[in-house]
Amino acid sequence: MNKFLKYALVGVLTMFAIVAAGCGGSKDDGKVDMNKPVIVGVNPGPHAIIMDNVKKIAEKKGLKIEVKEFSDFVTPNSALASGEIWANCFQHEPFLKATMKKEPSFKLAKAFNTALFPINIYSKKLKPGDTIPDGAKIGIPNDPTNGGAILLLAANNLIKVKDPKDVTTSVKDITENPHHFEIVELEAAAIPRSLDDLTCAAINTTYAISAGLDPAKDPILRETKDSLYVNIVAVQEKDLNDPRLKIFQEAYQSKENAEFIEKKFPGSVYLGWDNK
């Protein structure tokens, strides 16, 4: 082999080694800095309160968590997609899928189940046990959480929908409205402030508690614990094999956290995993 070919071959092999090392290095061989906190986005209220407890449990397992609050249902996924946060915990899977349909550049995925934060029907004009009158004006969220509200009405035989097991159900899937309800779609966070102008409304637990409503006592219709809309932790797809995620899940789904949720939010928040 002449000297020129020898040097050329060495150069090619060296370049190949650098590229290969770079590809392996992007995964860091599964090694992560456990001393650096991971940032988890949540909504204020029950999500934040529970996550503060998870933070304490996780720290005992060697994982440090920094909790960051977002007051809406849009920003947490944008922040996750941009890498501003490591995970978020505020939504159910249908909401995540709807978000990614609108934002195909978001490479996000469900990591594990958390809890069920019921979307219940509240009213200032009706009390628990009252019948929703014909022609009632019913407020529901104008986002993918409205499927829970519609299925709740269907489960109580007030309307009919194409498929009562379809988590992507929306207003357009209502097939029968025998009581002539006027369904009003509003921004989820604004619904509690609009109760005076509505007969009743579907309000997510997070916003209900923030508005001073008691999800265990005040609803005129209540979403049950067998609901299809269990909340999740979402991460970027590339982080699904992050070893910290396993610790995070163990902390969230621990017996200690289950007992905390059941004691702190009796009848208001249900466990979204098998706690046996």
Protein backbone atom coordinates (compact mmCIF):
# COMPACT_ATOMS: atom_id res chain seq x y z
CA MET A 1 0.00 0.00 0.00
CA ASN A 2 1.51 3.35 -0.96
CA LYS A 3 1.81 6.12 1.60
CA PHE A 4 -1.00 8.20 0.08
CA LEU A 5 -3.54 5.35 0.21
CA LYS A 6 -2.46 4.50 3.76
CA TYR A 7 -3.09 8.04 4.98
CA ALA A 8 -6.37 8.24 3.07
CA LEU A 9 -7.57 4.99 4.66
CA VAL A 10 -6.60 6.20 8.12
CA GLY A 11 -8.49 9.44 7.49
CA VAL A 12 -11.63 7.62 6.41
CA LEU A 13 -11.51 5.26 9.40
CA THR A 14 -10.91 8.17 11.75
CA MET A 15 -13.88 10.06 10.32
CA PHE A 16 -16.06 6.95 10.61
CA ALA A 17 -15.03 6.55 14.24
CA ILE A 18 -15.88 10.17 14.99
CA VAL A 19 -19.32 9.85 13.39
CA ALA A 20 -20.01 6.57 15.20
CA ALA A 21 -18.90 8.04 18.48
CA GLY A 22 -21.11 11.05 17.89
CA CYS A 23 -24.18 8.87 17.28
CA GLY A 24 -23.53 6.85 20.43
CA GLY A 25 -22.80 9.96 22.40
CA SER A 26 -26.17 11.50 21.62
CA LYS A 27 -27.70 8.80 23.79
CA ASP A 28 -24.96 9.19 26.38
CA ASP A 29 -25.00 5.39 26.80
CA GLY A 30 -28.04 5.73 29.04
CA LYS A 31 -26.13 7.86 31.53
CA VAL A 32 -27.84 10.95 32.92
CA ASP A 33 -26.91 13.55 35.50
CA MET A 34 -28.99 12.59 38.52
CA ASN A 35 -27.88 15.73 40.33
CA LYS A 36 -29.60 17.94 37.76
CA PRO A 37 -33.34 18.41 38.43
CA VAL A 38 -35.84 17.48 35.72
CA ILE A 39 -38.53 20.09 35.08
CA VAL A 40 -42.13 18.88 35.06
CA GLY A 41 -44.93 21.14 33.84
CA VAL A 42 -48.33 21.03 35.57
CA ASN A 43 -51.51 23.06 35.92
CA PRO A 44 -52.15 24.84 39.24
CA GLY A 45 -54.39 23.12 41.77
CA PRO A 46 -54.57 19.33 42.23
CA HIS A 47 -51.94 18.58 39.59
CA ALA A 48 -49.42 20.88 41.27
CA ILE A 49 -50.29 19.71 44.78
CA ILE A 50 -49.87 16.05 43.84
CA MET A 51 -46.65 16.74 41.95
CA ASP A 52 -45.17 18.46 45.00
CA ASN A 53 -45.77 15.22 46.89
CA VAL A 54 -44.29 13.14 44.05
CA LYS A 55 -41.26 15.43 44.16
CA LYS A 56 -40.62 14.46 47.79
CA ILE A 57 -40.99 10.75 47.06
CA ALA A 58 -38.80 10.91 43.96
CA GLU A 59 -36.02 12.71 45.81
CA LYS A 60 -35.80 9.80 48.24
CA LYS A 61 -35.28 7.59 45.18
CA GLY A 62 -32.50 9.82 43.84
CA LEU A 63 -34.47 11.90 41.33
CA LYS A 64 -34.75 15.66 41.73
CA ILE A 65 -37.86 17.32 40.28
CA GLU A 66 -38.54 20.99 39.66
CA VAL A 67 -42.26 21.75 39.29
CA LYS A 68 -43.29 24.47 36.83
CA GLU A 69 -46.90 25.68 36.69
CA PHE A 70 -48.79 26.66 33.53
CA SER A 71 -52.22 28.27 33.80
CA ASP A 72 -53.58 26.96 30.49
CA PHE A 73 -53.92 23.73 28.50
CA VAL A 74 -51.80 24.82 25.52
CA THR A 75 -48.44 26.05 26.77
CA PRO A 76 -47.37 22.85 28.62
CA ASN A 77 -47.16 20.88 25.35
CA SER A 78 -45.41 23.71 23.53
CA ALA A 79 -42.89 23.95 26.36
CA LEU A 80 -42.35 20.18 26.26
CA ALA A 81 -41.87 20.13 22.49
CA SER A 82 -39.30 22.94 22.68
CA GLY A 83 -37.36 21.25 25.49
CA GLU A 84 -38.18 23.96 28.04
CA ILE A 85 -39.46 21.20 30.32
CA TRP A 86 -38.64 17.47 30.52
CA ALA A 87 -42.19 16.20 31.07
CA ASN A 88 -45.69 17.47 31.68
CA CYS A 89 -48.60 16.21 33.72
CA PHE A 90 -51.94 17.89 33.02
CA GLN A 91 -53.78 16.13 30.17
CA HIS A 92 -55.33 12.86 29.06
CA GLU A 93 -54.16 10.91 26.02
CA PRO A 94 -56.96 12.06 23.65
CA PHE A 95 -55.97 15.67 24.35
CA LEU A 96 -52.30 14.87 23.62
CA LYS A 97 -53.20 13.13 20.35
CA ALA A 98 -55.41 16.04 19.28
CA THR A 99 -52.60 18.46 20.04
CA MET A 100 -50.11 16.54 17.93
CA LYS A 101 -52.61 16.36 15.09
CA LYS A 102 -52.66 20.15 15.09
CA GLU A 103 -48.91 20.39 15.70
CA PRO A 104 -47.29 17.52 13.74
CA SER A 105 -43.82 18.81 14.64
CA PHE A 106 -44.46 17.93 18.29
CA LYS A 107 -42.83 14.53 18.87
CA LEU A 108 -44.50 13.79 22.20
CA ALA A 109 -45.65 10.52 23.74
CA LYS A 110 -47.53 9.12 26.71
CA ALA A 111 -45.18 7.84 29.42
CA PHE A 112 -47.63 6.49 32.03
CA ASN A 113 -51.05 7.01 33.65
CA THR A 114 -51.44 9.38 36.58
CA ALA A 115 -54.91 10.15 37.92
CA LEU A 116 -58.41 10.90 36.78
CA PHE A 117 -59.49 14.49 37.34
CA PRO A 118 -63.24 14.26 36.64
CA ILE A 119 -65.02 16.71 34.40
CA ASN A 120 -68.32 17.20 36.22
CA ILE A 121 -71.47 19.21 35.53
CA TYR A 122 -71.96 22.19 37.87
CA SER A 123 -74.74 24.78 38.14
CA LYS A 124 -75.73 27.88 40.08
CA LYS A 125 -79.37 27.38 39.10
CA LEU A 126 -79.72 23.66 39.82
CA LYS A 127 -78.72 21.56 42.78
CA PRO A 128 -77.56 17.91 42.98
CA GLY A 129 -80.52 15.67 42.19
CA ASP A 130 -82.28 18.21 39.96
CA THR A 131 -83.13 17.35 36.37
CA ILE A 132 -81.52 19.45 33.65
CA PRO A 133 -84.53 21.14 31.97
CA ASP A 134 -85.37 21.04 28.28
CA GLY A 135 -83.67 23.82 26.32
CA ALA A 136 -80.93 24.20 28.93
CA LYS A 137 -77.84 26.13 27.93
CA ILE A 138 -74.90 23.83 28.76
CA GLY A 139 -71.32 25.06 28.66
CA ILE A 140 -68.52 22.69 27.69
CA PRO A 141 -64.79 23.26 27.00
CA ASN A 142 -63.86 24.24 23.45
CA ASP A 143 -60.90 21.84 23.44
CA PRO A 144 -60.45 18.02 23.30
CA THR A 145 -61.50 17.69 26.96
CA ASN A 146 -65.07 18.33 25.76
CA GLY A 147 -65.37 14.67 24.78
CA GLY A 148 -65.62 13.81 28.46
CA ALA A 149 -68.43 16.33 28.91
CA ILE A 150 -70.38 14.99 25.95
CA LEU A 151 -69.94 11.35 26.99
CA LEU A 152 -71.03 12.29 30.53
CA LEU A 153 -74.30 13.68 29.15
CA ALA A 154 -74.69 10.57 27.02
CA ALA A 155 -74.00 8.26 29.97
CA ASN A 156 -76.89 9.92 31.77
CA ASN A 157 -79.21 9.34 28.77
CA LEU A 158 -79.58 13.07 28.09
CA ILE A 159 -78.18 12.89 24.56
CA LYS A 160 -77.00 10.15 22.21
CA VAL A 161 -73.65 9.93 20.42
CA LYS A 162 -72.21 7.78 17.64
CA ASP A 163 -70.00 5.73 19.96
CA PRO A 164 -70.15 6.10 23.78
CA LYS A 165 -66.70 4.46 24.03
CA ASP A 166 -64.97 6.78 21.58
CA VAL A 167 -62.61 9.14 23.44
CA THR A 168 -62.39 11.40 20.40
CA THR A 169 -66.11 12.21 20.61
CA SER A 170 -66.97 15.85 19.96
CA VAL A 171 -70.09 17.98 19.44
CA LYS A 172 -70.38 16.82 15.82
CA ASP A 173 -70.80 13.23 17.09
CA ILE A 174 -74.07 13.99 18.89
CA THR A 175 -76.73 12.00 17.03
CA GLU A 176 -79.79 12.80 19.17
CA ASN A 177 -80.57 15.81 21.35
CA PRO A 178 -84.16 15.12 22.49
CA HIS A 179 -84.12 17.81 25.19
CA HIS A 180 -82.98 20.48 22.74
CA PHE A 181 -79.98 21.48 24.83
CA GLU A 182 -77.98 24.43 23.59
CA ILE A 183 -74.36 23.29 23.77
CA VAL A 184 -72.06 26.29 24.23
CA GLU A 185 -68.33 25.79 23.70
CA LEU A 186 -66.17 28.08 25.83
CA GLU A 187 -62.55 28.33 26.87
CA ALA A 188 -62.15 25.82 29.73
CA ALA A 189 -60.63 28.30 32.17
CA ALA A 190 -63.45 30.79 31.58
CA ILE A 191 -66.36 28.42 32.18
CA PRO A 192 -66.58 28.87 35.98
CA ARG A 193 -66.92 32.63 35.45
CA SER A 194 -69.70 32.00 32.93
CA LEU A 195 -71.93 29.87 35.19
CA ASP A 196 -74.30 32.81 35.83
CA ASP A 197 -75.10 32.90 32.11
CA LEU A 198 -75.56 29.13 31.73
CA THR A 199 -78.02 26.58 33.05
CA CYS A 200 -75.07 24.35 33.88
CA ALA A 201 -71.59 23.57 32.63
CA ALA A 202 -68.93 20.89 32.42
CA ILE A 203 -65.88 22.00 34.39
CA ASN A 204 -62.58 20.21 34.75
CA THR A 205 -61.58 19.45 38.35
CA THR A 206 -58.54 21.74 38.13
CA TYR A 207 -60.66 24.78 37.27
CA ALA A 208 -63.54 23.74 39.53
CA ILE A 209 -61.36 23.72 42.63
CA SER A 210 -59.70 27.00 41.62
CA ALA A 211 -63.20 28.52 41.40
CA GLY A 212 -64.13 27.32 44.89
CA LEU A 213 -66.32 24.43 43.75
CA ASP A 214 -66.18 21.10 45.57
CA PRO A 215 -65.96 18.21 43.05
CA ALA A 216 -67.07 15.78 45.77
CA LYS A 217 -70.26 17.66 46.74
CA ASP A 218 -71.30 20.27 44.19
CA PRO A 219 -71.75 18.49 40.81
CA ILE A 220 -75.25 17.81 39.52
CA LEU A 221 -73.69 15.13 37.27
CA ARG A 222 -70.42 13.38 38.08
CA GLU A 223 -67.88 11.61 35.88
CA THR A 224 -67.14 8.20 37.39
CA LYS A 225 -63.78 6.56 38.09
CA ASP A 226 -64.21 4.19 35.14
CA SER A 227 -63.94 7.15 32.76
CA LEU A 228 -61.85 6.77 29.60
CA TYR A 229 -60.11 10.09 30.24
CA VAL A 230 -57.34 9.15 32.68
CA ASN A 231 -54.56 11.75 32.81
CA ILE A 232 -51.00 10.95 31.80
CA VAL A 233 -47.40 12.07 31.98
CA ALA A 234 -46.10 13.06 28.55
CA VAL A 235 -42.48 13.33 27.43
CA GLN A 236 -40.63 13.77 24.15
CA GLU A 237 -40.52 10.48 22.22
CA LYS A 238 -36.73 10.41 22.48
CA ASP A 239 -36.98 10.34 26.29
CA LEU A 240 -39.20 7.27 26.61
CA ASN A 241 -36.15 5.18 27.54
CA ASP A 242 -34.69 7.77 29.90
CA PRO A 243 -33.88 5.85 33.14
CA ARG A 244 -35.19 8.79 35.17
CA LEU A 245 -38.66 8.15 33.76
CA LYS A 246 -38.85 4.79 35.53
CA ILE A 247 -38.02 6.44 38.87
CA PHE A 248 -40.58 9.17 38.16
CA GLN A 249 -43.29 6.59 37.44
CA GLU A 250 -42.44 4.57 40.55
CA ALA A 251 -42.72 7.73 42.65
CA TYR A 252 -46.02 8.85 41.11
CA GLN A 253 -47.64 5.41 41.23
CA SER A 254 -46.27 4.57 44.67
CA LYS A 255 -48.52 3.47 47.51
CA GLU A 256 -47.39 6.56 49.40
CA ASN A 257 -48.64 8.89 46.66
CA ALA A 258 -51.86 6.90 46.21
CA GLU A 259 -52.66 7.35 49.89
CA PHE A 260 -51.85 11.05 49.65
CA ILE A 261 -54.24 11.55 46.70
CA GLU A 262 -57.08 9.62 48.33
CA LYS A 263 -56.70 11.51 51.59
CA LYS A 264 -56.17 14.96 50.05
CA PHE A 265 -58.89 14.72 47.38
CA PRO A 266 -61.52 12.23 48.60
CA GLY A 267 -64.16 11.77 45.90
CA SER A 268 -62.54 14.47 43.74
CA VAL A 269 -59.54 12.76 42.17
CA TYR A 270 -59.31 9.05 41.33
CA LEU A 271 -56.22 6.88 40.86
CA GLY A 272 -55.48 6.17 37.21
CA TRP A 273 -53.47 3.00 37.83
CA ASP A 274 -53.92 -0.33 39.57
CA ASN A 275 -52.78 0.24 43.15
CA LYS A 276 -52.96 -3.41 44.25
